[in-house]
Amino acid sequence: MRILYAIQGTGNGHLSRALDIVPLLQARCEQLDILVSGPPADIQLPFEVKYRARGMGFIFGKKGGINFVKTFWQFNSAKFLREVRHLPAESYDLVISDFEPVSSWACKLREVPCVALSHQSAVLHPDAPLPREEDYAGRAVLRHYAPSTAQYGFHFQQYSPEIFTPVIRRQVRELAPTNEGHYTVYLPAFDEETLVERLRYLSHSTRWEVFSKHSTQPSKHGNVQVWPVSGSAFLDSLARSAGVLCGAGFETPAEALHLGKKLLVLPMKQQYEQQCNAAALAGMGVPVIKSLKDKHLAVVDDWLHRDDTIAVNYPDQTAAIIDQLLREQLAAVAV
């Protein structure tokens, strides 16, 4: 059995999940080929990647949202179409896509089944939480960005039998969490200058450990320590932290909840998926702020002075999910 596993490389969440999923797939098939698309990522997979594609990735801005100008200029529709046409999706027994558009559209073009194994599949489920303000355009982008013929989704809670709790990678499950008093910050859509100014304005006594996608060297600004994004350093900071301030992505909030950390999220602007995640987290009791402007800092200050954590149960069921997916999809192909 030949399987193509295609991964969206924008951000770190998809690649983090792949660290656990790839070995499980390798153990269950004769040949596993990996495709990664998008701009260069902070996490490097310790596996051979057969296909690397430009795809349709997004570029983070520095003021809380997506940099649409840079995203537009790095998107080459002609190249994307060539990548779609040249990917031999029909030569595989099964194509699995973690919100990866080249593989998804290659399958659609050739009428080949494409199985989505992603958080986005759960976000689009009719039982998943939605933000108060509907964004029809954002939902349409999410639905059509990486089309699929079957869906297996991960979310913060099991809102439906078709939705599974998060894949918590082995590196996180093996951590021994402590509380050394600092707060870990990962807000990739903000630049270092903005984060330092806002965090120092908020509190001169709180110790902040900031991981910035826009920084190449460590720097210290009073009570704010800034580090370039590094997987091992981030996990170490996360494990020792009193709490986590991050975007409303999926993997980082899920890992923080799994480790029993206080959590505060700030969803990216113009990012429908993060608005949906924020709604789900708010329903669980996680505080959400819309920006780092003064009018929202009272929520952050209150969060700093509270010891509330949210109990979750995220069992290690990744192998069982992979077995279910393979059993059901290979049976469907055989019919």
C-alpha atoms as a PDB file:
ATOM      1  CA  MET A   1       0.000   0.000   0.000  1.00  0.00           C
ATOM      2  CA  ARG A   2       1.336   3.424  -1.032  1.00  0.00           C
ATOM      3  CA  ILE A   3       0.201   6.480   0.923  1.00  0.00           C
ATOM      4  CA  LEU A   4       0.840  10.163   0.278  1.00  0.00           C
ATOM      5  CA  TYR A   5       0.692  12.285   3.439  1.00  0.00           C
ATOM      6  CA  ALA A   6       0.534  15.990   2.581  1.00  0.00           C
ATOM      7  CA  ILE A   7       1.140  18.661   5.223  1.00  0.00           C
ATOM      8  CA  GLN A   8       0.453  22.392   5.286  1.00  0.00           C
ATOM      9  CA  GLY A   9       3.738  24.015   6.304  1.00  0.00           C
ATOM     10  CA  THR A  10       2.407  27.460   7.261  1.00  0.00           C
ATOM     11  CA  GLY A  11       2.733  27.844  11.014  1.00  0.00           C
ATOM     12  CA  ASN A  12       4.005  25.059  13.235  1.00  0.00           C
ATOM     13  CA  GLY A  13       0.866  23.157  14.208  1.00  0.00           C
ATOM     14  CA  HIS A  14       0.500  20.863  11.198  1.00  0.00           C
ATOM     15  CA  LEU A  15       4.171  19.896  11.282  1.00  0.00           C
ATOM     16  CA  SER A  16       4.077  19.329  15.051  1.00  0.00           C
ATOM     17  CA  ARG A  17       1.184  16.904  14.614  1.00  0.00           C
ATOM     18  CA  ALA A  18       3.066  15.147  11.815  1.00  0.00           C
ATOM     19  CA  LEU A  19       5.879  14.244  14.218  1.00  0.00           C
ATOM     20  CA  ASP A  20       3.565  11.658  15.778  1.00  0.00           C
ATOM     21  CA  ILE A  21       1.449  10.754  12.746  1.00  0.00           C
ATOM     22  CA  VAL A  22       4.254   9.979  10.277  1.00  0.00           C
ATOM     23  CA  PRO A  23       5.793   7.079  12.277  1.00  0.00           C
ATOM     24  CA  LEU A  24       2.336   5.548  12.725  1.00  0.00           C
ATOM     25  CA  LEU A  25       1.667   5.690   8.982  1.00  0.00           C
ATOM     26  CA  GLN A  26       5.135   4.366   8.174  1.00  0.00           C
ATOM     27  CA  ALA A  27       4.478   1.334  10.361  1.00  0.00           C
ATOM     28  CA  ARG A  28       1.202   0.613   8.566  1.00  0.00           C
ATOM     29  CA  CYS A  29       2.082   0.837   4.873  1.00  0.00           C
ATOM     30  CA  GLU A  30       4.695  -0.350   2.428  1.00  0.00           C
ATOM     31  CA  GLN A  31       5.575   3.152   1.231  1.00  0.00           C
ATOM     32  CA  LEU A  32       4.830   6.545   2.744  1.00  0.00           C
ATOM     33  CA  ASP A  33       5.694   9.662   0.752  1.00  0.00           C
ATOM     34  CA  ILE A  34       5.507  13.094   2.364  1.00  0.00           C
ATOM     35  CA  LEU A  35       4.597  16.418   0.769  1.00  0.00           C
ATOM     36  CA  VAL A  36       5.100  19.752   2.565  1.00  0.00           C
ATOM     37  CA  SER A  37       3.905  23.028   1.067  1.00  0.00           C
ATOM     38  CA  GLY A  38       4.145  26.637   2.141  1.00  0.00           C
ATOM     39  CA  PRO A  39       6.954  29.000   3.194  1.00  0.00           C
ATOM     40  CA  PRO A  40       9.929  27.747   5.252  1.00  0.00           C
ATOM     41  CA  ALA A  41       8.752  26.626   8.686  1.00  0.00           C
ATOM     42  CA  ASP A  42      10.302  26.816  12.151  1.00  0.00           C
ATOM     43  CA  ILE A  43       9.954  23.051  12.631  1.00  0.00           C
ATOM     44  CA  GLN A  44      11.974  20.654  10.494  1.00  0.00           C
ATOM     45  CA  LEU A  45      10.625  17.144  10.060  1.00  0.00           C
ATOM     46  CA  PRO A  46      13.117  14.345  10.859  1.00  0.00           C
ATOM     47  CA  PHE A  47      11.754  12.385   7.887  1.00  0.00           C
ATOM     48  CA  GLU A  48      12.479  12.371   4.180  1.00  0.00           C
ATOM     49  CA  VAL A  49      10.185  14.801   2.357  1.00  0.00           C
ATOM     50  CA  LYS A  50       9.649  13.665  -1.227  1.00  0.00           C
ATOM     51  CA  TYR A  51       7.722  16.704  -2.471  1.00  0.00           C
ATOM     52  CA  ARG A  52       8.216  20.346  -1.484  1.00  0.00           C
ATOM     53  CA  ALA A  53       5.782  22.842  -2.945  1.00  0.00           C
ATOM     54  CA  ARG A  54       5.076  26.554  -2.718  1.00  0.00           C
ATOM     55  CA  GLY A  55       1.373  25.853  -2.289  1.00  0.00           C
ATOM     56  CA  MET A  56      -0.818  28.674  -0.986  1.00  0.00           C
ATOM     57  CA  GLY A  57       0.674  29.696   2.334  1.00  0.00           C
ATOM     58  CA  PHE A  58      -0.049  32.828   4.361  1.00  0.00           C
ATOM     59  CA  ILE A  59       2.601  35.227   5.672  1.00  0.00           C
ATOM     60  CA  PHE A  60       2.225  36.571   9.200  1.00  0.00           C
ATOM     61  CA  GLY A  61       2.117  40.333   9.618  1.00  0.00           C
ATOM     62  CA  LYS A  62       3.499  42.355  12.528  1.00  0.00           C
ATOM     63  CA  LYS A  63       0.382  44.089  13.821  1.00  0.00           C
ATOM     64  CA  GLY A  64      -1.849  41.170  14.729  1.00  0.00           C
ATOM     65  CA  GLY A  65      -2.979  39.780  11.394  1.00  0.00           C
ATOM     66  CA  ILE A  66      -1.940  38.345   8.037  1.00  0.00           C
ATOM     67  CA  ASN A  67       0.293  40.394   5.752  1.00  0.00           C
ATOM     68  CA  PHE A  68      -1.946  40.254   2.706  1.00  0.00           C
ATOM     69  CA  VAL A  69       0.455  42.245   0.498  1.00  0.00           C
ATOM     70  CA  LYS A  70       3.342  39.806   0.998  1.00  0.00           C
ATOM     71  CA  THR A  71       0.953  36.861   0.879  1.00  0.00           C
ATOM     72  CA  PHE A  72      -0.405  38.068  -2.470  1.00  0.00           C
ATOM     73  CA  TRP A  73       3.040  38.616  -3.994  1.00  0.00           C
ATOM     74  CA  GLN A  74       4.393  35.241  -2.913  1.00  0.00           C
ATOM     75  CA  PHE A  75       1.351  33.487  -4.347  1.00  0.00           C
ATOM     76  CA  ASN A  76       1.991  32.488  -7.942  1.00  0.00           C
ATOM     77  CA  SER A  77      -1.178  30.969  -9.362  1.00  0.00           C
ATOM     78  CA  ALA A  78       0.592  29.617 -12.459  1.00  0.00           C
ATOM     79  CA  LYS A  79       3.163  27.824 -10.312  1.00  0.00           C
ATOM     80  CA  PHE A  80       0.432  26.481  -8.048  1.00  0.00           C
ATOM     81  CA  LEU A  81      -1.422  25.048 -11.040  1.00  0.00           C
ATOM     82  CA  ARG A  82       1.792  23.441 -12.290  1.00  0.00           C
ATOM     83  CA  GLU A  83       2.362  21.882  -8.858  1.00  0.00           C
ATOM     84  CA  VAL A  84      -1.190  20.528  -8.885  1.00  0.00           C
ATOM     85  CA  ARG A  85      -0.855  19.096 -12.403  1.00  0.00           C
ATOM     86  CA  HIS A  86       2.534  17.501 -11.786  1.00  0.00           C
ATOM     87  CA  LEU A  87       1.701  15.776  -8.496  1.00  0.00           C
ATOM     88  CA  PRO A  88       0.964  12.099  -9.322  1.00  0.00           C
ATOM     89  CA  ALA A  89      -1.920  11.763  -6.866  1.00  0.00           C
ATOM     90  CA  GLU A  90      -3.479   8.923  -8.873  1.00  0.00           C
ATOM     91  CA  SER A  91      -0.442   6.703  -8.291  1.00  0.00           C
ATOM     92  CA  TYR A  92      -1.193   6.350  -4.557  1.00  0.00           C
ATOM     93  CA  ASP A  93      -3.610   3.971  -2.861  1.00  0.00           C
ATOM     94  CA  LEU A  94      -4.521   6.704  -0.387  1.00  0.00           C
ATOM     95  CA  VAL A  95      -3.921  10.467  -0.144  1.00  0.00           C
ATOM     96  CA  ILE A  96      -4.156  12.048   3.323  1.00  0.00           C
ATOM     97  CA  SER A  97      -4.077  15.833   3.567  1.00  0.00           C
ATOM     98  CA  ASP A  98      -3.552  17.976   6.651  1.00  0.00           C
ATOM     99  CA  PHE A  99      -5.099  21.105   5.123  1.00  0.00           C
ATOM    100  CA  GLU A 100      -2.617  20.955   2.244  1.00  0.00           C
ATOM    101  CA  PRO A 101      -3.945  22.494  -0.986  1.00  0.00           C
ATOM    102  CA  VAL A 102      -1.658  21.057  -3.699  1.00  0.00           C
ATOM    103  CA  SER A 103      -2.527  17.437  -2.904  1.00  0.00           C
ATOM    104  CA  SER A 104      -6.195  18.251  -2.320  1.00  0.00           C
ATOM    105  CA  TRP A 105      -6.624  19.994  -5.668  1.00  0.00           C
ATOM    106  CA  ALA A 106      -4.543  17.376  -7.490  1.00  0.00           C
ATOM    107  CA  CYS A 107      -6.984  14.761  -6.199  1.00  0.00           C
ATOM    108  CA  LYS A 108      -9.991  16.858  -7.128  1.00  0.00           C
ATOM    109  CA  LEU A 109      -8.639  17.441 -10.631  1.00  0.00           C
ATOM    110  CA  ARG A 110      -8.174  13.695 -11.181  1.00  0.00           C
ATOM    111  CA  GLU A 111     -11.290  12.635  -9.234  1.00  0.00           C
ATOM    112  CA  VAL A 112      -9.131  10.757  -6.730  1.00  0.00           C
ATOM    113  CA  PRO A 113     -10.351  10.429  -3.098  1.00  0.00           C
ATOM    114  CA  CYS A 114      -8.594  12.763  -0.668  1.00  0.00           C
ATOM    115  CA  VAL A 115      -8.910  12.209   3.088  1.00  0.00           C
ATOM    116  CA  ALA A 116      -8.629  15.253   5.324  1.00  0.00           C
ATOM    117  CA  LEU A 117      -6.936  14.649   8.674  1.00  0.00           C
ATOM    118  CA  SER A 118      -6.851  18.106  10.190  1.00  0.00           C
ATOM    119  CA  HIS A 119      -8.122  20.571  12.743  1.00  0.00           C
ATOM    120  CA  GLN A 120      -9.865  22.519   9.978  1.00  0.00           C
ATOM    121  CA  SER A 121     -12.118  19.530   9.288  1.00  0.00           C
ATOM    122  CA  ALA A 122     -13.427  19.777  12.844  1.00  0.00           C
ATOM    123  CA  VAL A 123     -13.845  23.564  12.654  1.00  0.00           C
ATOM    124  CA  LEU A 124     -16.102  23.097   9.617  1.00  0.00           C
ATOM    125  CA  HIS A 125     -18.212  20.423  11.320  1.00  0.00           C
ATOM    126  CA  PRO A 126     -21.808  21.611  11.891  1.00  0.00           C
ATOM    127  CA  ASP A 127     -21.563  20.856  15.625  1.00  0.00           C
ATOM    128  CA  ALA A 128     -18.379  22.879  16.175  1.00  0.00           C
ATOM    129  CA  PRO A 129     -18.589  26.283  17.937  1.00  0.00           C
ATOM    130  CA  LEU A 130     -18.845  29.426  15.818  1.00  0.00           C
ATOM    131  CA  PRO A 131     -18.006  33.064  16.549  1.00  0.00           C
ATOM    132  CA  ARG A 132     -20.871  35.471  17.195  1.00  0.00           C
ATOM    133  CA  GLU A 133     -20.163  37.375  13.995  1.00  0.00           C
ATOM    134  CA  GLU A 134     -20.413  35.112  10.977  1.00  0.00           C
ATOM    135  CA  ASP A 135     -17.763  35.496   8.298  1.00  0.00           C
ATOM    136  CA  TYR A 136     -19.168  33.896   5.159  1.00  0.00           C
ATOM    137  CA  ALA A 137     -16.109  34.708   3.050  1.00  0.00           C
ATOM    138  CA  GLY A 138     -13.736  33.335   5.699  1.00  0.00           C
ATOM    139  CA  ARG A 139     -15.761  30.149   6.019  1.00  0.00           C
ATOM    140  CA  ALA A 140     -15.830  29.733   2.235  1.00  0.00           C
ATOM    141  CA  VAL A 141     -12.031  30.047   2.073  1.00  0.00           C
ATOM    142  CA  LEU A 142     -11.669  27.486   4.839  1.00  0.00           C
ATOM    143  CA  ARG A 143     -14.044  25.086   3.085  1.00  0.00           C
ATOM    144  CA  HIS A 144     -12.524  25.318  -0.410  1.00  0.00           C
ATOM    145  CA  TYR A 145      -8.834  25.886   0.367  1.00  0.00           C
ATOM    146  CA  ALA A 146      -8.092  22.150   0.577  1.00  0.00           C
ATOM    147  CA  PRO A 147     -11.148  20.159  -0.624  1.00  0.00           C
ATOM    148  CA  SER A 148     -11.568  16.573   0.551  1.00  0.00           C
ATOM    149  CA  THR A 149     -13.848  13.595   0.105  1.00  0.00           C
ATOM    150  CA  ALA A 150     -13.730  12.357   3.731  1.00  0.00           C
ATOM    151  CA  GLN A 151     -12.934  14.174   6.953  1.00  0.00           C
ATOM    152  CA  TYR A 152     -11.350  13.268  10.298  1.00  0.00           C
ATOM    153  CA  GLY A 153     -11.027  16.294  12.545  1.00  0.00           C
ATOM    154  CA  PHE A 154      -9.388  17.368  15.802  1.00  0.00           C
ATOM    155  CA  HIS A 155     -10.771  20.001  18.177  1.00  0.00           C
ATOM    156  CA  PHE A 156     -10.482  21.173  21.780  1.00  0.00           C
ATOM    157  CA  GLN A 157     -13.470  19.030  22.754  1.00  0.00           C
ATOM    158  CA  GLN A 158     -15.302  16.121  21.168  1.00  0.00           C
ATOM    159  CA  TYR A 159     -18.300  18.065  19.916  1.00  0.00           C
ATOM    160  CA  SER A 160     -19.388  15.104  17.770  1.00  0.00           C
ATOM    161  CA  PRO A 161     -18.431  11.434  17.352  1.00  0.00           C
ATOM    162  CA  GLU A 162     -16.618  12.458  14.153  1.00  0.00           C
ATOM    163  CA  ILE A 163     -14.415  14.899  16.078  1.00  0.00           C
ATOM    164  CA  PHE A 164     -11.387  13.761  18.090  1.00  0.00           C
ATOM    165  CA  THR A 165      -9.488  15.498  20.866  1.00  0.00           C
ATOM    166  CA  PRO A 166      -6.073  16.994  19.969  1.00  0.00           C
ATOM    167  CA  VAL A 167      -2.984  15.062  18.996  1.00  0.00           C
ATOM    168  CA  ILE A 168      -0.593  15.916  21.825  1.00  0.00           C
ATOM    169  CA  ARG A 169       2.854  15.092  20.477  1.00  0.00           C
ATOM    170  CA  ARG A 170       5.129  12.771  22.395  1.00  0.00           C
ATOM    171  CA  GLN A 171       7.596  15.561  23.266  1.00  0.00           C
ATOM    172  CA  VAL A 172       4.812  17.366  25.145  1.00  0.00           C
ATOM    173  CA  ARG A 173       3.392  14.262  26.824  1.00  0.00           C
ATOM    174  CA  GLU A 174       6.844  13.511  28.217  1.00  0.00           C
ATOM    175  CA  LEU A 175       7.250  16.951  29.812  1.00  0.00           C
ATOM    176  CA  ALA A 176       7.108  17.305  33.600  1.00  0.00           C
ATOM    177  CA  PRO A 177       5.340  20.675  34.051  1.00  0.00           C
ATOM    178  CA  THR A 178       6.404  23.019  36.852  1.00  0.00           C
ATOM    179  CA  ASN A 179       5.638  26.639  37.703  1.00  0.00           C
ATOM    180  CA  GLU A 180       8.647  28.949  37.791  1.00  0.00           C
ATOM    181  CA  GLY A 181       6.517  32.094  37.643  1.00  0.00           C
ATOM    182  CA  HIS A 182       7.115  33.386  34.111  1.00  0.00           C
ATOM    183  CA  TYR A 183       4.581  33.620  31.273  1.00  0.00           C
ATOM    184  CA  THR A 184       5.312  32.165  27.845  1.00  0.00           C
ATOM    185  CA  VAL A 185       4.185  34.280  24.880  1.00  0.00           C
ATOM    186  CA  TYR A 186       3.755  33.162  21.271  1.00  0.00           C
ATOM    187  CA  LEU A 187       2.005  35.734  19.084  1.00  0.00           C
ATOM    188  CA  PRO A 188       3.586  35.300  15.621  1.00  0.00           C
ATOM    189  CA  ALA A 189       1.472  38.035  14.030  1.00  0.00           C
ATOM    190  CA  PHE A 190       3.138  40.760  16.168  1.00  0.00           C
ATOM    191  CA  ASP A 191       6.666  42.107  15.897  1.00  0.00           C
ATOM    192  CA  GLU A 192       9.135  42.186  18.781  1.00  0.00           C
ATOM    193  CA  GLU A 193       8.867  45.932  19.345  1.00  0.00           C
ATOM    194  CA  THR A 194       5.092  45.852  19.753  1.00  0.00           C
ATOM    195  CA  LEU A 195       5.138  42.892  22.115  1.00  0.00           C
ATOM    196  CA  VAL A 196       7.879  44.337  24.323  1.00  0.00           C
ATOM    197  CA  GLU A 197       6.165  47.720  24.584  1.00  0.00           C
ATOM    198  CA  ARG A 198       2.772  46.250  25.385  1.00  0.00           C
ATOM    199  CA  LEU A 199       3.981  43.654  27.872  1.00  0.00           C
ATOM    200  CA  ARG A 200       6.211  46.102  29.739  1.00  0.00           C
ATOM    201  CA  TYR A 201       3.349  48.623  29.845  1.00  0.00           C
ATOM    202  CA  LEU A 202       1.074  45.952  31.271  1.00  0.00           C
ATOM    203  CA  SER A 203       3.395  44.836  34.073  1.00  0.00           C
ATOM    204  CA  HIS A 204       6.949  45.725  35.089  1.00  0.00           C
ATOM    205  CA  SER A 205       7.132  42.849  37.578  1.00  0.00           C
ATOM    206  CA  THR A 206       5.805  39.921  35.541  1.00  0.00           C
ATOM    207  CA  ARG A 207       8.488  37.894  33.773  1.00  0.00           C
ATOM    208  CA  TRP A 208       7.641  37.313  30.124  1.00  0.00           C
ATOM    209  CA  GLU A 209       9.382  34.857  27.806  1.00  0.00           C
ATOM    210  CA  VAL A 210       8.457  35.842  24.252  1.00  0.00           C
ATOM    211  CA  PHE A 211       9.073  33.655  21.193  1.00  0.00           C
ATOM    212  CA  SER A 212       9.062  35.853  18.097  1.00  0.00           C
ATOM    213  CA  LYS A 213       8.946  34.788  14.436  1.00  0.00           C
ATOM    214  CA  HIS A 214      10.366  38.199  13.538  1.00  0.00           C
ATOM    215  CA  SER A 215      13.505  37.977  15.715  1.00  0.00           C
ATOM    216  CA  THR A 216      16.781  36.295  14.811  1.00  0.00           C
ATOM    217  CA  GLN A 217      18.741  36.944  18.019  1.00  0.00           C
ATOM    218  CA  PRO A 218      17.831  36.711  21.734  1.00  0.00           C
ATOM    219  CA  SER A 219      17.333  40.047  23.470  1.00  0.00           C
ATOM    220  CA  LYS A 220      16.298  41.243  26.920  1.00  0.00           C
ATOM    221  CA  HIS A 221      14.194  44.307  27.658  1.00  0.00           C
ATOM    222  CA  GLY A 222      13.799  44.608  31.410  1.00  0.00           C
ATOM    223  CA  ASN A 223      11.321  41.937  32.445  1.00  0.00           C
ATOM    224  CA  VAL A 224      10.748  40.767  28.845  1.00  0.00           C
ATOM    225  CA  GLN A 225      13.066  38.128  27.399  1.00  0.00           C
ATOM    226  CA  VAL A 226      12.712  37.629  23.643  1.00  0.00           C
ATOM    227  CA  TRP A 227      13.850  34.494  21.838  1.00  0.00           C
ATOM    228  CA  PRO A 228      13.743  33.470  18.177  1.00  0.00           C
ATOM    229  CA  VAL A 229      11.274  30.647  17.648  1.00  0.00           C
ATOM    230  CA  SER A 230      12.859  27.335  18.603  1.00  0.00           C
ATOM    231  CA  GLY A 231      10.952  24.132  19.226  1.00  0.00           C
ATOM    232  CA  SER A 232      13.042  22.836  22.117  1.00  0.00           C
ATOM    233  CA  ALA A 233      13.410  26.227  23.840  1.00  0.00           C
ATOM    234  CA  PHE A 234       9.706  26.911  23.486  1.00  0.00           C
ATOM    235  CA  LEU A 235       8.730  23.572  25.007  1.00  0.00           C
ATOM    236  CA  ASP A 236      11.121  24.150  27.900  1.00  0.00           C
ATOM    237  CA  SER A 237       9.614  27.586  28.561  1.00  0.00           C
ATOM    238  CA  LEU A 238       6.092  26.201  28.196  1.00  0.00           C
ATOM    239  CA  ALA A 239       6.724  23.412  30.702  1.00  0.00           C
ATOM    240  CA  ARG A 240       8.146  25.820  33.325  1.00  0.00           C
ATOM    241  CA  SER A 241       5.594  28.597  32.844  1.00  0.00           C
ATOM    242  CA  ALA A 242       2.807  29.885  35.074  1.00  0.00           C
ATOM    243  CA  GLY A 243       0.678  30.519  32.010  1.00  0.00           C
ATOM    244  CA  VAL A 244       0.586  31.011  28.252  1.00  0.00           C
ATOM    245  CA  LEU A 245      -0.447  34.021  26.160  1.00  0.00           C
ATOM    246  CA  CYS A 246      -0.780  32.991  22.528  1.00  0.00           C
ATOM    247  CA  GLY A 247      -2.814  33.238  19.372  1.00  0.00           C
ATOM    248  CA  ALA A 248      -6.012  31.263  18.953  1.00  0.00           C
ATOM    249  CA  GLY A 249      -4.378  28.592  16.845  1.00  0.00           C
ATOM    250  CA  PHE A 250      -4.856  24.963  17.754  1.00  0.00           C
ATOM    251  CA  GLU A 251      -1.717  23.100  18.821  1.00  0.00           C
ATOM    252  CA  THR A 252      -0.221  25.641  21.250  1.00  0.00           C
ATOM    253  CA  PRO A 253      -3.478  26.237  23.178  1.00  0.00           C
ATOM    254  CA  ALA A 254      -4.154  22.482  23.235  1.00  0.00           C
ATOM    255  CA  GLU A 255      -0.661  21.749  24.564  1.00  0.00           C
ATOM    256  CA  ALA A 256      -0.974  24.475  27.202  1.00  0.00           C
ATOM    257  CA  LEU A 257      -4.316  23.058  28.379  1.00  0.00           C
ATOM    258  CA  HIS A 258      -2.896  19.526  28.426  1.00  0.00           C
ATOM    259  CA  LEU A 259      -0.037  20.708  30.668  1.00  0.00           C
ATOM    260  CA  GLY A 260      -2.465  22.395  33.062  1.00  0.00           C
ATOM    261  CA  LYS A 261      -1.348  25.957  32.262  1.00  0.00           C
ATOM    262  CA  LYS A 262      -3.408  29.106  32.549  1.00  0.00           C
ATOM    263  CA  LEU A 263      -4.292  30.199  29.041  1.00  0.00           C
ATOM    264  CA  LEU A 264      -5.183  33.532  27.431  1.00  0.00           C
ATOM    265  CA  VAL A 265      -5.664  33.797  23.659  1.00  0.00           C
ATOM    266  CA  LEU A 266      -5.647  36.617  21.124  1.00  0.00           C
ATOM    267  CA  PRO A 267      -7.036  35.491  17.737  1.00  0.00           C
ATOM    268  CA  MET A 268      -5.404  36.842  14.590  1.00  0.00           C
ATOM    269  CA  LYS A 269      -7.281  39.444  12.598  1.00  0.00           C
ATOM    270  CA  GLN A 270      -8.884  38.331   9.328  1.00  0.00           C
ATOM    271  CA  GLN A 271      -8.371  34.684  10.293  1.00  0.00           C
ATOM    272  CA  TYR A 272     -11.689  32.875  10.454  1.00  0.00           C
ATOM    273  CA  GLU A 273     -10.283  29.636  11.835  1.00  0.00           C
ATOM    274  CA  GLN A 274      -8.813  31.459  14.820  1.00  0.00           C
ATOM    275  CA  GLN A 275     -12.098  33.249  15.439  1.00  0.00           C
ATOM    276  CA  CYS A 276     -13.780  29.835  15.590  1.00  0.00           C
ATOM    277  CA  ASN A 277     -11.075  28.521  17.917  1.00  0.00           C
ATOM    278  CA  ALA A 278     -11.509  31.550  20.171  1.00  0.00           C
ATOM    279  CA  ALA A 279     -15.240  30.838  20.376  1.00  0.00           C
ATOM    280  CA  ALA A 280     -14.552  27.224  21.343  1.00  0.00           C
ATOM    281  CA  LEU A 281     -11.985  28.199  23.978  1.00  0.00           C
ATOM    282  CA  ALA A 282     -14.247  30.910  25.393  1.00  0.00           C
ATOM    283  CA  GLY A 283     -16.950  28.269  25.795  1.00  0.00           C
ATOM    284  CA  MET A 284     -14.497  26.286  27.917  1.00  0.00           C
ATOM    285  CA  GLY A 285     -13.746  29.293  30.119  1.00  0.00           C
ATOM    286  CA  VAL A 286     -10.534  30.529  28.477  1.00  0.00           C
ATOM    287  CA  PRO A 287     -10.334  34.367  28.408  1.00  0.00           C
ATOM    288  CA  VAL A 288     -10.090  35.918  24.950  1.00  0.00           C
ATOM    289  CA  ILE A 289      -8.917  39.414  23.975  1.00  0.00           C
ATOM    290  CA  LYS A 290      -9.277  41.077  20.574  1.00  0.00           C
ATOM    291  CA  SER A 291      -6.053  43.094  20.606  1.00  0.00           C
ATOM    292  CA  LEU A 292      -3.229  44.420  22.767  1.00  0.00           C
ATOM    293  CA  LYS A 293      -4.814  47.874  22.954  1.00  0.00           C
ATOM    294  CA  ASP A 294      -5.253  49.525  26.339  1.00  0.00           C
ATOM    295  CA  LYS A 295      -8.980  48.758  26.513  1.00  0.00           C
ATOM    296  CA  HIS A 296      -8.262  45.020  26.609  1.00  0.00           C
ATOM    297  CA  LEU A 297      -5.369  45.019  29.061  1.00  0.00           C
ATOM    298  CA  ALA A 298      -7.641  44.885  32.107  1.00  0.00           C
ATOM    299  CA  VAL A 299      -8.576  41.339  31.037  1.00  0.00           C
ATOM    300  CA  VAL A 300      -4.888  40.408  30.871  1.00  0.00           C
ATOM    301  CA  ASP A 301      -4.215  41.962  34.287  1.00  0.00           C
ATOM    302  CA  ASP A 302      -7.137  40.037  35.808  1.00  0.00           C
ATOM    303  CA  TRP A 303      -5.852  36.821  34.201  1.00  0.00           C
ATOM    304  CA  LEU A 304      -2.397  37.362  35.681  1.00  0.00           C
ATOM    305  CA  HIS A 305      -3.841  37.632  39.186  1.00  0.00           C
ATOM    306  CA  ARG A 306      -6.053  34.557  38.954  1.00  0.00           C
ATOM    307  CA  ASP A 307      -4.974  30.955  39.345  1.00  0.00           C
ATOM    308  CA  ASP A 308      -7.777  29.452  37.280  1.00  0.00           C
ATOM    309  CA  THR A 309      -6.842  26.518  35.076  1.00  0.00           C
ATOM    310  CA  ILE A 310      -9.139  24.400  32.950  1.00  0.00           C
ATOM    311  CA  ALA A 311      -9.124  20.631  33.316  1.00  0.00           C
ATOM    312  CA  VAL A 312      -9.049  18.687  30.056  1.00  0.00           C
ATOM    313  CA  ASN A 313      -8.629  15.036  29.157  1.00  0.00           C
ATOM    314  CA  TYR A 314      -6.623  14.498  25.990  1.00  0.00           C
ATOM    315  CA  PRO A 315      -5.823  10.762  25.858  1.00  0.00           C
ATOM    316  CA  ASP A 316      -3.243   9.433  23.426  1.00  0.00           C
ATOM    317  CA  GLN A 317      -5.567   8.023  20.759  1.00  0.00           C
ATOM    318  CA  THR A 318      -3.593   8.916  17.631  1.00  0.00           C
ATOM    319  CA  ALA A 319      -2.813   5.304  16.713  1.00  0.00           C
ATOM    320  CA  ALA A 320      -6.471   4.347  17.077  1.00  0.00           C
ATOM    321  CA  ILE A 321      -7.522   7.263  14.859  1.00  0.00           C
ATOM    322  CA  ILE A 322      -5.028   6.274  12.161  1.00  0.00           C
ATOM    323  CA  ASP A 323      -6.239   2.662  12.305  1.00  0.00           C
ATOM    324  CA  GLN A 324      -9.859   3.792  11.989  1.00  0.00           C
ATOM    325  CA  LEU A 325      -9.039   6.066   9.046  1.00  0.00           C
ATOM    326  CA  LEU A 326      -7.129   3.362   7.180  1.00  0.00           C
ATOM    327  CA  ARG A 327      -9.756   0.717   7.876  1.00  0.00           C
ATOM    328  CA  GLU A 328     -12.669   2.876   6.706  1.00  0.00           C
ATOM    329  CA  GLN A 329     -10.987   4.533   3.711  1.00  0.00           C
ATOM    330  CA  LEU A 330      -9.321   1.430   2.293  1.00  0.00           C
ATOM    331  CA  ALA A 331     -12.653  -0.394   2.620  1.00  0.00           C
ATOM    332  CA  ALA A 332     -14.322   2.437   0.699  1.00  0.00           C
ATOM    333  CA  VAL A 333     -11.711   2.276  -2.062  1.00  0.00           C
ATOM    334  CA  ALA A 334     -12.168  -1.511  -2.339  1.00  0.00           C
ATOM    335  CA  VAL A 335     -15.937  -1.173  -2.921  1.00  0.00           C
END
